[in-house]
Each structure stands twice: as C-alpha cells, then as structure tokens.
C-alpha cells in the first residue's frame, strides 16, 4: 500500500511542477492557474506525505520538528557556501597551486 502512496505523492509533485510551468507560460499550452489551484496541488502533496509519515509511526508534530531542523541545516550550509565563494577561503583556494 505504501508504494502506491509514494507513487501518488510523485504524481502530485508532478502536478505542482506542471501547474508552475503553466503559470510561467512554459510548455505547449498556456493555462491560467490561480494561486488557490496551486495551493490545492500542494495540499495534495502534503496529504500524501502525512499518510506516509503516519504509516511509519510518526505524526505531523514530529515531522514539523524535522522540517525546522532541516531548514536550520540548510541555512548553515548556505552560509558556509557564501564564505567559500565570497570570503577569504575562496581567494585562498585561487592562490593555491
């Protein structure tokens, strides 16, 4: 049953991608997608994510904590990248043999 949820999640993510493509006049057809319609597609993704999370014995509160941890890790990583590419370490890397 879970594989179907994962496949359904993948399908919903595809619908989000398709919706955003149409919103930016991409693809072969231009279709007006409202903010609400886009949010509905994102809600579908969230629903399948919630089902998968619950299947593994966790709840949304736990998942919210994991999301916050991941956001913090990504911020730290991006700050480190800025130091590498914009700071002295990048310059040092350019000078090394």
N, C-alpha and C. Protein backbone atom coordinates (compact mmCIF):
# COMPACT_ATOMS: atom_id res chain seq x y z
N UNK A 1 0.82 -1.20 0.00
CA UNK A 1 0.00 0.00 0.00
C UNK A 1 0.86 1.26 0.00
N UNK A 2 2.00 1.21 0.74
CA UNK A 2 2.82 2.42 0.83
C UNK A 2 3.40 2.81 -0.51
N UNK A 3 3.76 1.81 -1.33
CA UNK A 3 4.34 2.18 -2.63
C UNK A 3 3.34 2.97 -3.46
N UNK A 4 2.06 2.69 -3.29
CA UNK A 4 1.06 3.45 -4.02
C UNK A 4 0.99 4.89 -3.51
N UNK A 5 1.19 5.05 -2.21
CA UNK A 5 1.21 6.42 -1.65
C UNK A 5 2.42 7.18 -2.17
N UNK A 6 3.56 6.50 -2.25
CA UNK A 6 4.75 7.18 -2.77
C UNK A 6 4.54 7.54 -4.24
N UNK A 7 3.95 6.62 -5.00
CA UNK A 7 3.68 6.93 -6.40
C UNK A 7 2.66 8.06 -6.53
N UNK A 8 1.67 8.06 -5.66
CA UNK A 8 0.67 9.13 -5.68
C UNK A 8 1.32 10.46 -5.33
N UNK A 9 2.24 10.45 -4.34
CA UNK A 9 2.97 11.67 -3.99
C UNK A 9 3.77 12.17 -5.18
N UNK A 10 4.45 11.25 -5.85
CA UNK A 10 5.23 11.65 -7.03
C UNK A 10 4.33 12.25 -8.10
N UNK A 11 3.16 11.68 -8.28
CA UNK A 11 2.21 12.21 -9.25
C UNK A 11 1.75 13.61 -8.89
N UNK A 12 1.49 13.82 -7.60
CA UNK A 12 1.05 15.14 -7.15
C UNK A 12 2.16 16.17 -7.30
N UNK A 13 3.40 15.78 -7.00
CA UNK A 13 4.53 16.70 -7.20
C UNK A 13 4.63 17.05 -8.68
N UNK A 14 4.40 16.08 -9.55
CA UNK A 14 4.38 16.35 -10.99
C UNK A 14 3.30 17.36 -11.35
N UNK A 15 2.15 17.26 -10.70
CA UNK A 15 1.07 18.22 -10.98
C UNK A 15 1.47 19.63 -10.51
N UNK A 16 2.18 19.72 -9.40
CA UNK A 16 2.67 21.03 -8.94
C UNK A 16 3.63 21.60 -9.97
N UNK A 17 4.55 20.76 -10.44
CA UNK A 17 5.51 21.22 -11.46
C UNK A 17 4.80 21.66 -12.73
N UNK A 18 3.82 20.90 -13.14
CA UNK A 18 3.08 21.25 -14.35
C UNK A 18 2.31 22.56 -14.15
N UNK A 19 1.72 22.73 -12.98
CA UNK A 19 0.99 23.97 -12.69
C UNK A 19 1.91 25.17 -12.73
N UNK A 20 3.09 25.05 -12.12
CA UNK A 20 4.01 26.19 -12.12
C UNK A 20 4.55 26.44 -13.51
N UNK A 21 4.70 25.39 -14.30
CA UNK A 21 5.13 25.57 -15.69
C UNK A 21 4.10 26.41 -16.45
N UNK A 22 2.83 26.08 -16.27
CA UNK A 22 1.78 26.83 -16.96
C UNK A 22 1.70 28.27 -16.46
N UNK A 23 1.95 28.47 -15.17
CA UNK A 23 1.89 29.83 -14.61
C UNK A 23 2.99 30.72 -15.19
N UNK A 24 4.07 30.11 -15.64
CA UNK A 24 5.19 30.89 -16.19
C UNK A 24 5.22 30.81 -17.72
N UNK A 25 4.09 30.46 -18.31
CA UNK A 25 3.95 30.38 -19.76
C UNK A 25 4.89 29.37 -20.40
N UNK A 26 5.18 28.30 -19.68
CA UNK A 26 6.01 27.24 -20.23
C UNK A 26 5.17 26.17 -20.88
N UNK A 27 5.83 25.29 -21.59
CA UNK A 27 5.12 24.19 -22.23
C UNK A 27 4.46 24.61 -23.51
N UNK A 28 3.64 23.72 -24.02
CA UNK A 28 2.98 23.99 -25.29
C UNK A 28 1.65 24.71 -25.14
N UNK A 29 1.08 24.67 -23.93
CA UNK A 29 -0.20 25.34 -23.69
C UNK A 29 -0.04 26.29 -22.52
N UNK A 30 -0.59 27.47 -22.66
CA UNK A 30 -0.64 28.41 -21.56
C UNK A 30 -2.00 28.27 -20.91
N UNK A 31 -1.99 28.06 -19.62
CA UNK A 31 -3.23 27.87 -18.89
C UNK A 31 -3.16 28.70 -17.62
N UNK A 32 -4.18 29.46 -17.36
CA UNK A 32 -4.20 30.27 -16.15
C UNK A 32 -4.42 29.37 -14.94
N UNK A 33 -3.46 29.35 -14.04
CA UNK A 33 -3.56 28.58 -12.80
C UNK A 33 -3.57 29.60 -11.66
N UNK A 34 -4.64 29.57 -10.91
CA UNK A 34 -4.76 30.54 -9.81
C UNK A 34 -3.87 30.11 -8.64
N UNK A 35 -3.64 31.07 -7.75
CA UNK A 35 -2.89 30.76 -6.53
C UNK A 35 -3.59 29.65 -5.75
N UNK A 36 -4.90 29.72 -5.71
CA UNK A 36 -5.67 28.72 -4.96
C UNK A 36 -5.49 27.33 -5.56
N UNK A 37 -5.55 27.25 -6.89
CA UNK A 37 -5.36 25.95 -7.55
C UNK A 37 -3.97 25.38 -7.27
N UNK A 38 -2.97 26.24 -7.29
CA UNK A 38 -1.62 25.79 -6.97
C UNK A 38 -1.55 25.30 -5.52
N UNK A 39 -2.18 26.04 -4.61
CA UNK A 39 -2.19 25.63 -3.21
C UNK A 39 -2.93 24.29 -3.03
N UNK A 40 -3.97 24.06 -3.83
CA UNK A 40 -4.66 22.77 -3.76
C UNK A 40 -3.72 21.63 -4.15
N UNK A 41 -2.92 21.83 -5.19
CA UNK A 41 -1.97 20.80 -5.61
C UNK A 41 -0.94 20.56 -4.51
N UNK A 42 -0.46 21.63 -3.88
CA UNK A 42 0.49 21.48 -2.78
C UNK A 42 -0.16 20.77 -1.60
N UNK A 43 -1.44 21.03 -1.36
CA UNK A 43 -2.16 20.35 -0.28
C UNK A 43 -2.24 18.86 -0.56
N UNK A 44 -2.47 18.49 -1.82
CA UNK A 44 -2.48 17.07 -2.17
C UNK A 44 -1.15 16.41 -1.84
N UNK A 45 -0.05 17.11 -2.12
CA UNK A 45 1.28 16.58 -1.78
C UNK A 45 1.39 16.38 -0.28
N UNK A 46 0.96 17.37 0.46
CA UNK A 46 1.05 17.31 1.91
C UNK A 46 0.23 16.15 2.47
N UNK A 47 -0.95 15.93 1.91
CA UNK A 47 -1.81 14.84 2.38
C UNK A 47 -1.11 13.50 2.21
N UNK A 48 -0.51 13.27 1.05
CA UNK A 48 0.20 12.00 0.84
C UNK A 48 1.43 11.91 1.72
N UNK A 49 2.11 13.01 1.95
CA UNK A 49 3.25 12.99 2.86
C UNK A 49 2.78 12.61 4.27
N UNK A 50 1.67 13.16 4.69
CA UNK A 50 1.14 12.85 6.01
C UNK A 50 0.80 11.37 6.13
N UNK A 51 0.22 10.80 5.10
CA UNK A 51 -0.12 9.38 5.13
C UNK A 51 1.14 8.52 5.24
N UNK A 52 2.18 8.89 4.52
CA UNK A 52 3.44 8.15 4.57
C UNK A 52 4.08 8.29 5.96
N UNK A 53 4.06 9.50 6.51
CA UNK A 53 4.60 9.75 7.85
C UNK A 53 3.87 8.89 8.88
N UNK A 54 2.56 8.88 8.81
CA UNK A 54 1.76 8.10 9.76
C UNK A 54 2.02 6.60 9.59
N UNK A 55 2.20 6.16 8.37
CA UNK A 55 2.49 4.74 8.11
C UNK A 55 3.76 4.31 8.83
N UNK A 56 4.71 5.23 9.00
CA UNK A 56 5.97 4.92 9.68
C UNK A 56 5.91 5.20 11.18
N UNK A 57 4.70 5.45 11.69
CA UNK A 57 4.51 5.59 13.12
C UNK A 57 4.84 6.96 13.70
N UNK A 58 4.88 7.96 12.86
CA UNK A 58 5.18 9.31 13.33
C UNK A 58 3.96 10.21 13.12
N UNK A 59 4.06 11.41 13.63
CA UNK A 59 2.95 12.35 13.47
C UNK A 59 3.45 13.66 12.87
N UNK A 60 2.52 14.52 12.57
CA UNK A 60 2.85 15.79 11.92
C UNK A 60 3.72 16.67 12.83
N UNK A 61 3.49 16.60 14.13
CA UNK A 61 4.30 17.39 15.06
C UNK A 61 5.77 17.00 14.99
N UNK A 62 6.03 15.70 14.95
CA UNK A 62 7.41 15.22 14.81
C UNK A 62 7.99 15.68 13.49
N UNK A 63 7.20 15.57 12.44
CA UNK A 63 7.65 15.97 11.11
C UNK A 63 7.96 17.46 11.07
N UNK A 64 7.13 18.27 11.73
CA UNK A 64 7.38 19.72 11.78
C UNK A 64 8.72 20.01 12.43
N UNK A 65 9.07 19.26 13.47
CA UNK A 65 10.37 19.44 14.10
C UNK A 65 11.51 19.07 13.17
N UNK A 66 11.34 18.00 12.41
CA UNK A 66 12.36 17.59 11.45
C UNK A 66 12.50 18.65 10.36
N UNK A 67 11.40 19.22 9.92
CA UNK A 67 11.45 20.28 8.91
C UNK A 67 12.25 21.47 9.44
N UNK A 68 11.99 21.88 10.67
CA UNK A 68 12.72 23.02 11.24
C UNK A 68 14.21 22.71 11.35
N UNK A 69 14.54 21.49 11.77
CA UNK A 69 15.96 21.08 11.84
C UNK A 69 16.61 21.16 10.46
N UNK A 70 15.89 20.69 9.44
CA UNK A 70 16.43 20.70 8.08
C UNK A 70 16.61 22.13 7.56
N UNK A 71 15.66 23.00 7.86
CA UNK A 71 15.78 24.41 7.47
C UNK A 71 17.03 25.01 8.09
N UNK A 72 17.25 24.73 9.36
CA UNK A 72 18.44 25.26 10.04
C UNK A 72 19.73 24.71 9.42
N UNK A 73 19.76 23.42 9.12
CA UNK A 73 20.94 22.83 8.48
C UNK A 73 21.20 23.47 7.12
N UNK A 74 20.13 23.67 6.35
CA UNK A 74 20.29 24.28 5.03
C UNK A 74 20.81 25.72 5.14
N UNK A 75 20.31 26.47 6.13
CA UNK A 75 20.79 27.84 6.33
C UNK A 75 22.28 27.83 6.65
N UNK A 76 22.69 26.92 7.53
CA UNK A 76 24.11 26.82 7.89
C UNK A 76 24.96 26.47 6.66
N UNK A 77 24.46 25.53 5.88
CA UNK A 77 25.20 25.12 4.68
C UNK A 77 25.31 26.26 3.69
N UNK A 78 24.24 27.03 3.52
CA UNK A 78 24.28 28.16 2.59
C UNK A 78 25.22 29.24 3.10
N UNK A 79 25.25 29.47 4.39
CA UNK A 79 26.18 30.44 4.95
C UNK A 79 27.62 29.98 4.70
N UNK A 80 27.86 28.70 4.84
CA UNK A 80 29.20 28.16 4.60
C UNK A 80 29.58 28.33 3.13
N UNK A 81 28.64 28.10 2.24
CA UNK A 81 28.92 28.29 0.81
C UNK A 81 29.25 29.74 0.49
N UNK A 82 28.54 30.65 1.12
CA UNK A 82 28.83 32.07 0.90
C UNK A 82 30.24 32.39 1.33
N UNK A 83 30.68 31.82 2.44
CA UNK A 83 32.04 32.05 2.91
C UNK A 83 33.05 31.49 1.91
N UNK A 84 32.75 30.32 1.37
CA UNK A 84 33.68 29.69 0.44
C UNK A 84 33.78 30.49 -0.85
N UNK A 85 32.67 30.94 -1.38
CA UNK A 85 32.68 31.61 -2.68
C UNK A 85 32.90 33.12 -2.60
N UNK A 86 32.57 33.73 -1.46
CA UNK A 86 32.69 35.19 -1.35
C UNK A 86 33.75 35.63 -0.36
N UNK A 87 34.20 34.73 0.46
CA UNK A 87 35.12 35.11 1.52
C UNK A 87 36.57 34.81 1.19
N UNK A 88 37.37 34.90 2.19
CA UNK A 88 38.81 34.72 2.01
C UNK A 88 39.16 33.31 1.61
N UNK A 89 38.37 32.34 2.02
CA UNK A 89 38.70 30.96 1.67
C UNK A 89 38.67 30.75 0.17
N UNK A 90 37.75 31.41 -0.53
CA UNK A 90 37.72 31.31 -1.99
C UNK A 90 38.99 31.90 -2.59
N UNK A 91 39.37 33.05 -2.07
CA UNK A 91 40.60 33.69 -2.55
C UNK A 91 41.81 32.81 -2.26
N UNK A 92 41.86 32.22 -1.07
CA UNK A 92 42.96 31.31 -0.74
C UNK A 92 42.98 30.12 -1.71
N UNK A 93 41.81 29.62 -2.04
CA UNK A 93 41.74 28.49 -2.95
C UNK A 93 42.26 28.87 -4.34
N UNK A 94 42.03 30.09 -4.75
CA UNK A 94 42.50 30.53 -6.06
C UNK A 94 44.03 30.65 -6.10
N UNK A 95 44.63 30.98 -4.96
CA UNK A 95 46.08 31.16 -4.92
C UNK A 95 46.83 29.84 -4.76
N UNK A 96 46.14 28.82 -4.25
CA UNK A 96 46.90 27.58 -4.00
C UNK A 96 47.23 26.88 -5.30
N UNK A 97 48.40 26.19 -5.27
CA UNK A 97 48.86 25.52 -6.50
C UNK A 97 48.01 24.36 -6.90
